Amino acid sequence: MVELDEISKKFLHDEDALILATVGANGKPYIAGFYFMYHEEEGLIYILTRPNILTIRNIQRKPDVALLVHHIYKDDWKNQYVMIRGVAENVEDKETIKKVESMRIKKYHWLEEEQFLARRKTWAVIRVIPSYFRSFIRARDTSFPELRPPEHSHL
């Protein structure tokens, strides 16, 4: 497992969605978008999704994945991202699913909680264990401080 830098950790906490790339049965890349939660203490990415989707079947066959969390500022020409490569697994134990449900409710409090909980029996969890990461976060660039996004202006 790899340790992310502090600004990348903050970026993962702040962003809402990621793109996950898996390897399909035909050996070709397959990508899908998901809401996600970053568990900083564990250093893991969690995705709560429907069971038996193609992404999970791909992971069960070949667990190597890559993911991209990105943000494009419309008033700026710069893209910000964290890209992670690692190993993913489908987690089926009820305790982990409940933990990830709670993480999702906390992070995405604006989602309809009652409707979310009503579907509780249909959830599956994908856990990503990072082995490599690369990031470009605008706040690192001190050449143009006036272009820093407001939430990173203190860095």
Protein backbone atom coordinates (compact mmCIF):
# COMPACT_ATOMS: atom_id res chain seq x y z
CA MET A 1 0.00 0.00 0.00
CA VAL A 2 1.16 3.53 -0.75
CA GLU A 3 0.90 6.63 1.47
CA LEU A 4 -0.73 9.65 -0.19
CA ASP A 5 0.42 13.19 0.50
CA GLU A 6 -1.79 15.46 2.62
CA ILE A 7 -3.16 17.58 -0.22
CA SER A 8 -4.13 14.46 -2.21
CA LYS A 9 -5.93 13.11 0.87
CA LYS A 10 -7.87 16.37 1.21
CA PHE A 11 -8.72 16.28 -2.48
CA LEU A 12 -10.09 12.74 -2.16
CA HIS A 13 -12.23 13.77 0.83
CA ASP A 14 -13.58 16.82 -1.03
CA GLU A 15 -14.45 15.28 -4.40
CA ASP A 16 -17.61 13.29 -5.05
CA ALA A 17 -17.01 10.90 -7.95
CA LEU A 18 -14.36 8.81 -9.58
CA ILE A 19 -13.83 6.86 -12.78
CA LEU A 20 -12.77 3.23 -12.18
CA ALA A 21 -11.02 1.23 -14.90
CA THR A 22 -11.08 -2.57 -14.77
CA VAL A 23 -10.04 -5.25 -17.24
CA GLY A 24 -12.92 -6.89 -19.08
CA ALA A 25 -13.26 -10.59 -19.93
CA ASN A 26 -11.98 -9.77 -23.43
CA GLY A 27 -8.83 -8.15 -21.97
CA LYS A 28 -9.97 -4.65 -22.93
CA PRO A 29 -10.34 -1.76 -20.47
CA TYR A 30 -13.78 -1.10 -19.02
CA ILE A 31 -14.56 2.15 -17.20
CA ALA A 32 -17.45 3.20 -14.97
CA GLY A 33 -18.20 6.15 -12.70
CA PHE A 34 -19.01 5.86 -9.00
CA TYR A 35 -19.46 7.85 -5.82
CA PHE A 36 -16.67 6.91 -3.44
CA MET A 37 -15.33 7.31 0.07
CA TYR A 38 -11.69 7.62 1.07
CA HIS A 39 -10.90 6.05 4.44
CA GLU A 40 -7.78 7.94 5.45
CA GLU A 41 -6.82 5.81 8.45
CA GLU A 42 -6.93 2.63 6.37
CA GLY A 43 -5.57 4.32 3.24
CA LEU A 44 -8.33 2.66 1.20
CA ILE A 45 -10.96 3.71 -1.32
CA TYR A 46 -14.47 2.31 -0.86
CA ILE A 47 -17.28 2.20 -3.41
CA LEU A 48 -20.84 1.21 -2.48
CA THR A 49 -22.69 -0.11 -5.50
CA ARG A 50 -25.15 -2.72 -6.75
CA PRO A 51 -24.03 -6.35 -6.57
CA ASN A 52 -23.14 -8.38 -9.65
CA ILE A 53 -22.40 -5.41 -11.89
CA LEU A 54 -19.86 -5.84 -14.69
CA THR A 55 -17.22 -3.90 -12.74
CA ILE A 56 -17.42 -6.41 -9.86
CA ARG A 57 -17.29 -9.39 -12.23
CA ASN A 58 -14.20 -7.86 -13.86
CA ILE A 59 -12.54 -7.38 -10.46
CA GLN A 60 -13.25 -10.99 -9.49
CA ARG A 61 -11.50 -12.14 -12.67
CA LYS A 62 -8.60 -9.68 -12.56
CA PRO A 63 -8.30 -7.36 -9.52
CA ASP A 64 -5.88 -4.83 -11.08
CA VAL A 65 -7.59 -1.43 -11.37
CA ALA A 66 -6.89 2.23 -11.97
CA LEU A 67 -9.04 5.12 -10.86
CA LEU A 68 -9.18 8.81 -11.52
CA VAL A 69 -10.66 11.49 -9.31
CA HIS A 70 -10.59 14.78 -11.16
CA HIS A 71 -11.90 18.29 -11.09
CA ILE A 72 -11.83 20.83 -13.89
CA TYR A 73 -12.19 24.48 -12.98
CA LYS A 74 -14.34 26.13 -15.61
CA ASP A 75 -12.74 29.54 -15.13
CA ASP A 76 -9.23 28.12 -15.30
CA TRP A 77 -7.39 26.05 -17.85
CA LYS A 78 -5.98 23.70 -15.24
CA ASN A 79 -7.21 20.23 -14.45
CA GLN A 80 -6.68 18.75 -10.97
CA TYR A 81 -6.56 15.04 -10.37
CA VAL A 82 -5.47 12.10 -8.27
CA MET A 83 -4.83 8.90 -10.21
CA ILE A 84 -4.46 5.65 -8.29
CA ARG A 85 -3.48 2.18 -9.43
CA GLY A 86 -4.03 -0.78 -7.16
CA VAL A 87 -5.87 -3.96 -6.41
CA ALA A 88 -9.63 -4.08 -5.91
CA GLU A 89 -11.78 -6.64 -4.19
CA ASN A 90 -15.47 -7.25 -3.76
CA VAL A 91 -16.20 -7.18 -0.02
CA GLU A 92 -19.24 -9.14 1.05
CA ASP A 93 -19.11 -9.16 4.85
CA LYS A 94 -22.05 -7.36 6.42
CA GLU A 95 -19.93 -5.42 8.93
CA THR A 96 -17.88 -3.76 6.18
CA ILE A 97 -20.99 -3.03 4.13
CA LYS A 98 -22.60 -1.31 7.14
CA LYS A 99 -19.40 0.69 7.77
CA VAL A 100 -19.29 1.83 4.14
CA GLU A 101 -23.02 2.67 4.19
CA SER A 102 -22.37 4.95 7.18
CA MET A 103 -19.43 6.56 5.40
CA ARG A 104 -21.61 7.22 2.35
CA ILE A 105 -24.45 8.73 4.40
CA LYS A 106 -21.96 11.03 6.15
CA LYS A 107 -20.18 12.14 2.96
CA TYR A 108 -23.26 12.40 0.74
CA HIS A 109 -25.68 13.77 3.34
CA TRP A 110 -27.56 15.55 0.56
CA LEU A 111 -28.68 12.21 -0.92
CA GLU A 112 -32.09 10.93 0.03
CA GLU A 113 -31.18 8.93 3.16
CA GLU A 114 -34.55 7.16 3.52
CA GLN A 115 -34.51 5.91 -0.07
CA PHE A 116 -30.83 4.96 0.31
CA LEU A 117 -31.46 2.86 3.43
CA ALA A 118 -34.50 1.17 1.88
CA ARG A 119 -32.17 -0.43 -0.68
CA ARG A 120 -29.78 -1.70 2.03
CA LYS A 121 -30.07 -5.40 1.07
CA THR A 122 -28.87 -4.72 -2.45
CA TRP A 123 -25.46 -3.16 -1.73
CA ALA A 124 -22.03 -4.48 -2.59
CA VAL A 125 -18.69 -2.92 -1.63
CA ILE A 126 -15.61 -2.52 -3.77
CA ARG A 127 -12.44 -1.86 -1.79
CA VAL A 128 -9.38 -0.48 -3.61
CA ILE A 129 -5.94 -0.96 -2.07
CA PRO A 130 -3.65 1.66 -3.65
CA SER A 131 -0.19 0.63 -4.79
CA TYR A 132 0.69 3.76 -6.79
CA PHE A 133 -0.63 7.28 -7.03
CA ARG A 134 0.07 10.40 -9.00
CA SER A 135 -1.54 13.76 -8.52
CA PHE A 136 -1.65 17.24 -9.89
CA ILE A 137 -3.34 19.58 -7.48
CA ARG A 138 -3.40 23.24 -8.48
CA ALA A 139 -2.44 24.43 -4.99
CA ARG A 140 1.02 22.92 -5.46
CA ASP A 141 1.73 25.39 -8.25
CA THR A 142 3.07 28.55 -6.64
CA SER A 143 3.98 30.13 -9.97
CA PHE A 144 0.45 31.45 -10.38
CA PRO A 145 -1.04 31.85 -6.88
CA GLU A 146 -3.90 33.97 -8.23
CA LEU A 147 -5.14 30.88 -10.09
CA ARG A 148 -5.35 28.66 -7.02
CA PRO A 149 -8.81 27.32 -6.26
CA PRO A 150 -10.27 29.04 -3.16
CA GLU A 151 -10.42 25.88 -1.03
CA HIS A 152 -6.65 25.40 -1.44
CA SER A 153 -5.59 29.01 -1.07
CA HIS A 154 -4.23 28.45 2.45
CA LEU A 155 -1.60 25.99 1.20
